[in-house]
N, C-alpha and C. Protein backbone atom coordinates (compact mmCIF):
# COMPACT_ATOMS: atom_id res chain seq x y z
N MET A 1 76.91 164.80 28.64
CA MET A 1 78.06 164.88 29.26
C MET A 1 79.23 164.70 28.12
N ASP A 2 80.46 165.68 28.51
CA ASP A 2 81.55 165.81 27.56
C ASP A 2 82.45 164.75 27.56
N LYS A 3 82.99 164.18 26.64
CA LYS A 3 83.81 163.05 26.67
C LYS A 3 85.15 163.23 27.51
N ASP A 4 85.55 164.55 27.64
CA ASP A 4 86.41 165.15 28.66
C ASP A 4 86.20 164.87 30.05
N ARG A 5 84.87 164.71 30.50
CA ARG A 5 84.52 164.67 31.76
C ARG A 5 84.82 163.15 32.09
N VAL A 6 84.35 162.29 31.20
CA VAL A 6 84.48 160.89 31.21
C VAL A 6 85.92 160.36 31.31
N GLU A 7 86.73 160.97 30.44
CA GLU A 7 88.28 160.42 30.29
C GLU A 7 88.81 161.11 31.64
N GLY A 8 88.30 162.25 31.93
CA GLY A 8 89.25 162.80 33.22
C GLY A 8 88.75 162.02 34.44
N ALA A 9 87.71 161.41 34.58
CA ALA A 9 87.41 160.61 35.62
C ALA A 9 88.04 159.32 35.67
N MET A 10 88.23 158.81 34.41
CA MET A 10 88.91 157.56 34.10
C MET A 10 90.30 157.79 34.70
N ASP A 11 91.11 158.93 34.15
CA ASP A 11 92.39 159.25 34.47
C ASP A 11 92.56 159.30 36.14
N GLN A 12 91.58 159.96 36.73
CA GLN A 12 91.65 160.20 38.29
C GLN A 12 91.68 158.91 38.73
N ALA A 13 90.70 157.97 38.53
CA ALA A 13 90.66 156.55 39.08
C ALA A 13 91.93 155.79 38.84
N LYS A 14 92.56 155.91 37.59
CA LYS A 14 93.83 155.08 37.29
C LYS A 14 94.85 155.71 38.09
N GLY A 15 94.86 157.06 38.40
CA GLY A 15 96.06 157.66 38.97
C GLY A 15 95.72 157.19 40.59
N SER A 16 94.78 157.24 41.14
CA SER A 16 94.37 156.94 42.42
C SER A 16 95.05 155.51 42.59
N VAL A 17 94.81 154.44 41.94
CA VAL A 17 95.21 153.19 41.94
C VAL A 17 96.54 152.85 41.81
N LYS A 18 97.17 153.84 40.68
CA LYS A 18 98.68 153.73 40.43
C LYS A 18 99.41 154.26 41.87
N GLU A 19 98.80 155.48 42.32
CA GLU A 19 99.40 156.09 43.54
C GLU A 19 99.40 155.12 44.80
N ALA A 20 98.16 154.50 44.86
CA ALA A 20 98.09 153.60 46.01
C ALA A 20 99.19 152.52 46.00
N ALA A 21 99.23 151.98 44.57
CA ALA A 21 100.16 150.75 44.48
C ALA A 21 101.72 151.21 44.66
N GLY A 22 101.89 152.49 44.38
CA GLY A 22 103.25 153.06 44.67
C GLY A 22 103.46 153.24 46.03
N LYS A 23 102.47 153.41 46.80
CA LYS A 23 102.49 153.60 48.50
C LYS A 23 102.93 152.30 49.10
N VAL A 24 102.08 151.43 48.63
CA VAL A 24 102.03 150.00 49.23
C VAL A 24 103.48 149.39 48.76
N THR A 25 103.99 149.68 47.50
CA THR A 25 105.11 148.89 47.31
C THR A 25 106.47 149.82 47.52
N GLY A 26 106.22 150.86 48.05
CA GLY A 26 107.09 151.89 48.48
C GLY A 26 108.17 152.31 47.32
N ASP A 27 107.43 152.24 45.91
CA ASP A 27 107.86 152.85 44.85
C ASP A 27 107.61 154.51 44.77
N LYS A 28 108.35 155.22 45.00
CA LYS A 28 108.03 156.73 44.82
C LYS A 28 107.87 157.08 43.40
N LYS A 29 108.56 156.69 42.54
CA LYS A 29 108.22 157.07 41.09
C LYS A 29 106.73 156.80 40.65
N THR A 30 106.22 155.57 40.93
CA THR A 30 104.95 155.12 40.67
C THR A 30 104.02 155.77 41.51
N GLU A 31 104.33 156.23 42.58
CA GLU A 31 103.32 157.05 43.31
C GLU A 31 103.18 158.47 42.91
N ALA A 32 104.27 158.93 42.50
CA ALA A 32 104.39 160.43 41.80
C ALA A 32 103.64 160.40 40.42
N SER A 33 103.87 159.22 39.80
CA SER A 33 103.27 159.18 38.55
C SER A 33 101.65 159.25 38.62
N GLY A 34 101.32 158.20 39.43
CA GLY A 34 99.88 158.31 39.85
C GLY A 34 99.28 159.37 40.29
N ALA A 35 100.00 160.36 41.18
CA ALA A 35 99.34 161.56 41.57
C ALA A 35 99.32 162.59 40.59
N ALA A 36 100.40 162.34 39.60
CA ALA A 36 100.31 163.40 38.34
C ALA A 36 99.15 163.05 37.47
N GLN A 37 99.13 161.64 37.33
CA GLN A 37 97.72 161.37 36.25
C GLN A 37 96.46 161.88 37.16
N LYS A 38 96.31 161.69 38.34
CA LYS A 38 95.09 161.87 39.16
C LYS A 38 94.90 163.29 39.05
N ALA A 39 95.96 164.26 38.91
CA ALA A 39 95.93 165.76 38.89
C ALA A 39 95.51 166.02 37.34
N GLY A 40 96.08 165.43 36.53
CA GLY A 40 95.43 165.83 35.19
C GLY A 40 94.25 165.40 34.81
N GLY A 41 93.74 164.17 35.63
CA GLY A 41 92.29 163.88 35.21
C GLY A 41 91.37 164.85 35.91
N LYS A 42 91.89 165.54 36.98
CA LYS A 42 90.78 166.59 37.47
C LYS A 42 90.84 167.79 36.66
N VAL A 43 92.06 168.08 35.89
CA VAL A 43 91.93 169.17 35.04
C VAL A 43 91.08 168.94 33.97
N GLN A 44 91.22 167.55 33.43
CA GLN A 44 90.44 167.38 32.23
C GLN A 44 88.85 167.30 32.59
N ASN A 45 88.72 166.92 33.68
CA ASN A 45 87.19 166.59 34.11
C ASN A 45 86.59 168.27 34.18
N ALA A 46 87.41 169.18 34.78
CA ALA A 46 87.11 170.23 34.99
C ALA A 46 86.89 171.14 33.58
N ALA A 47 87.74 170.81 32.74
CA ALA A 47 87.56 171.41 31.33
C ALA A 47 86.37 170.80 30.63
N GLY A 48 85.94 169.63 30.92
CA GLY A 48 84.71 168.95 30.53
C GLY A 48 83.56 169.63 31.06
N GLY A 49 83.60 169.88 32.18
CA GLY A 49 82.54 170.53 32.90
C GLY A 49 82.11 171.94 32.32
N ALA A 50 83.50 172.60 32.03
CA ALA A 50 83.16 173.89 31.61
C ALA A 50 82.63 173.95 30.29
N LYS A 51 82.99 172.96 29.44
CA LYS A 51 82.34 172.84 28.08
C LYS A 51 80.81 172.43 28.12
N ASP A 52 80.53 171.51 29.11
CA ASP A 52 79.26 171.19 29.30
C ASP A 52 78.32 172.63 29.81
N SER A 53 78.89 173.41 30.55
CA SER A 53 78.26 174.63 30.97
C SER A 53 78.07 175.51 29.95
N VAL A 54 79.08 175.59 29.04
CA VAL A 54 78.80 176.61 27.83
C VAL A 54 77.65 176.13 26.94
N ARG A 55 77.91 174.67 26.69
CA ARG A 55 76.76 174.11 25.86
C ARG A 55 75.60 174.50 26.31
N ASP A 56 75.32 174.03 27.79
CA ASP A 56 74.08 174.39 28.33
C ASP A 56 73.59 175.74 28.33
N ALA A 57 74.35 176.57 28.23
CA ALA A 57 74.10 177.95 28.39
C ALA A 57 73.68 178.56 26.92
N VAL A 58 74.33 177.82 26.06
CA VAL A 58 74.04 178.33 24.59
C VAL A 58 72.63 177.46 24.07
N LYS A 59 72.24 176.48 24.57
CA LYS A 59 71.04 175.85 24.45
C LYS A 59 69.88 176.60 24.93
N GLU A 60 69.98 177.33 26.07
CA GLU A 60 68.84 178.17 26.64
C GLU A 60 68.73 179.45 26.15
C-alpha cells in the first residue's frame, strides 16, 4: 500500500472531524476548511491507488 493512500485516508478522517466540529459550533470557516481537507485527502488517496495499480501491473 502506497504511503499516499494512508496519508490521504488520515486527511479524510481529520477533515471529516473538522467539518463536523464546524457544523456543531456554527463556524463556517472551520467547516469549509474541513471539507477542503477531506477533498484533498480523497485526491491523495486516489493518487496512491493509481501508484499501487501501476506498481502491481509492473510486477506482473
